[in-house]
Protein backbone atom coordinates (compact mmCIF):
# COMPACT_ATOMS: atom_id res chain seq x y z
CA MET A 1 0.13 0.00 -0.02
CA SER A 2 1.36 3.27 -0.73
CA ARG A 3 1.58 6.37 1.32
CA GLU A 4 -1.13 7.87 -1.18
CA ASP A 5 -3.33 4.95 -0.62
CA LEU A 6 -2.82 5.17 3.44
CA ILE A 7 -3.88 8.85 3.33
CA ARG A 8 -6.93 8.03 1.23
CA ILE A 9 -8.30 5.36 3.77
CA ALA A 10 -7.50 7.35 6.59
CA ARG A 11 -9.64 10.19 4.95
CA GLU A 12 -12.19 7.83 4.45
CA ALA A 13 -12.21 6.53 7.92
CA ARG A 14 -12.33 10.18 9.13
CA MET A 15 -9.21 10.01 10.93
CA PRO A 16 -7.71 13.19 12.58
CA TYR A 17 -6.33 15.89 10.58
CA PHE A 18 -5.04 19.13 10.93
CA TYR A 19 -7.41 21.80 10.38
CA GLN A 20 -5.37 24.65 8.48
CA THR A 21 -3.49 21.95 6.17
CA PHE A 22 -5.70 18.94 6.20
CA GLU A 23 -3.02 16.84 6.30
CA ILE A 24 -3.75 13.41 8.50
CA ALA A 25 -2.46 13.56 11.98
CA ASN A 26 0.21 11.46 12.88
CA LEU A 27 0.83 10.02 9.46
CA ASP A 28 4.17 8.52 10.30
CA GLY A 29 2.32 6.52 13.44
CA LEU A 30 -0.50 5.46 10.90
CA GLU A 31 2.12 4.23 8.63
CA ARG A 32 3.95 2.13 11.30
CA PHE A 33 0.61 0.78 12.39
CA ALA A 34 -0.42 -0.42 8.83
CA ASN A 35 3.23 -2.16 8.66
CA LEU A 36 2.48 -3.88 11.69
CA ILE A 37 -1.02 -5.14 10.06
CA ARG A 38 0.74 -6.40 7.08
CA ALA A 39 3.69 -8.15 9.04
CA ASP A 40 0.72 -9.90 11.04
CA GLU A 41 -1.31 -10.86 7.70
CA ARG A 42 2.16 -12.14 5.98
CA ASN A 43 3.11 -14.26 9.60
CA ARG A 44 -0.53 -15.76 9.64
CA ALA A 45 -0.47 -16.60 6.26
CA MET A 46 3.15 -18.42 6.87
CA ARG A 47 1.49 -20.30 9.82
CA GLU A 48 -1.55 -21.23 7.99
CA ASN A 49 0.58 -22.41 4.77
CA ALA A 50 2.95 -24.56 7.34
CA TYR A 51 -0.53 -26.23 8.76
CA VAL A 52 -1.76 -26.92 5.27
CA LEU A 53 1.53 -28.60 4.06
CA ALA A 54 1.83 -30.60 7.55
CA GLU A 55 -1.67 -31.93 7.13
CA ARG A 56 -0.78 -32.82 3.38
CA GLU A 57 1.86 -34.74 4.33
CA ALA A 58 0.13 -36.36 6.89
CA CYS A 59 -2.50 -37.38 4.60
CA ALA A 60 0.31 -38.87 2.06
CA ALA A 61 1.85 -40.80 4.69
CA LYS A 62 -1.58 -42.38 5.77
CA ALA A 63 -2.02 -43.29 2.08
CA GLU A 64 1.43 -44.78 2.61
CA GLN A 65 0.52 -46.74 5.60
CA VAL A 66 -2.83 -48.13 4.21
CA GLY A 67 -1.15 -50.49 2.11
CA GLN A 68 1.77 -50.98 -0.28
CA HIS A 69 -0.57 -51.34 -3.13
CA LYS A 70 0.72 -49.38 -6.09
CA ASN A 71 -2.33 -47.22 -5.97
CA HIS A 72 -1.72 -45.86 -2.47
CA ILE A 73 1.66 -45.14 -3.33
CA GLY A 74 0.42 -43.18 -6.52
CA ILE A 75 -2.07 -41.47 -4.31
CA ALA A 76 0.48 -40.27 -1.96
CA ALA A 77 2.78 -39.17 -4.52
CA ALA A 78 -0.21 -37.19 -5.67
CA ILE A 79 -0.82 -35.50 -2.54
CA ARG A 80 3.23 -34.47 -2.39
CA ALA A 81 2.85 -33.41 -5.47
CA ARG A 82 -0.02 -31.12 -5.11
CA GLY A 83 1.84 -29.77 -1.57
CA GLN A 84 4.94 -28.76 -4.06
CA GLN A 85 2.58 -26.97 -6.47
CA THR A 86 1.35 -25.02 -3.45
CA SER A 87 4.43 -24.09 -1.90
CA GLU A 88 5.89 -22.86 -5.37
CA GLY A 89 2.97 -20.30 -5.49
CA GLY A 90 0.77 -22.86 -7.84
CA ALA A 91 -2.91 -23.85 -7.33
CA THR A 92 -4.09 -25.29 -3.86
């Protein structure tokens, strides 16, 4: 988000501003707050991704555990391949 976007959103939210200049009050603090929100969202997404990958690996391991039949191993490989696509930014 650019500084201009932040100012536009702050105005839409009716954040305090300086009467004479119409500049948003404490814009630096608002930018720090926005950066903290962004960092929190990134951390949350990383935790969720780690959880999904761990769950996918558990499913693949279970498919292997069910039996050594060729189809089960193929299912496990397909699950793991899907996890590789996800971690590389592909479809989930």
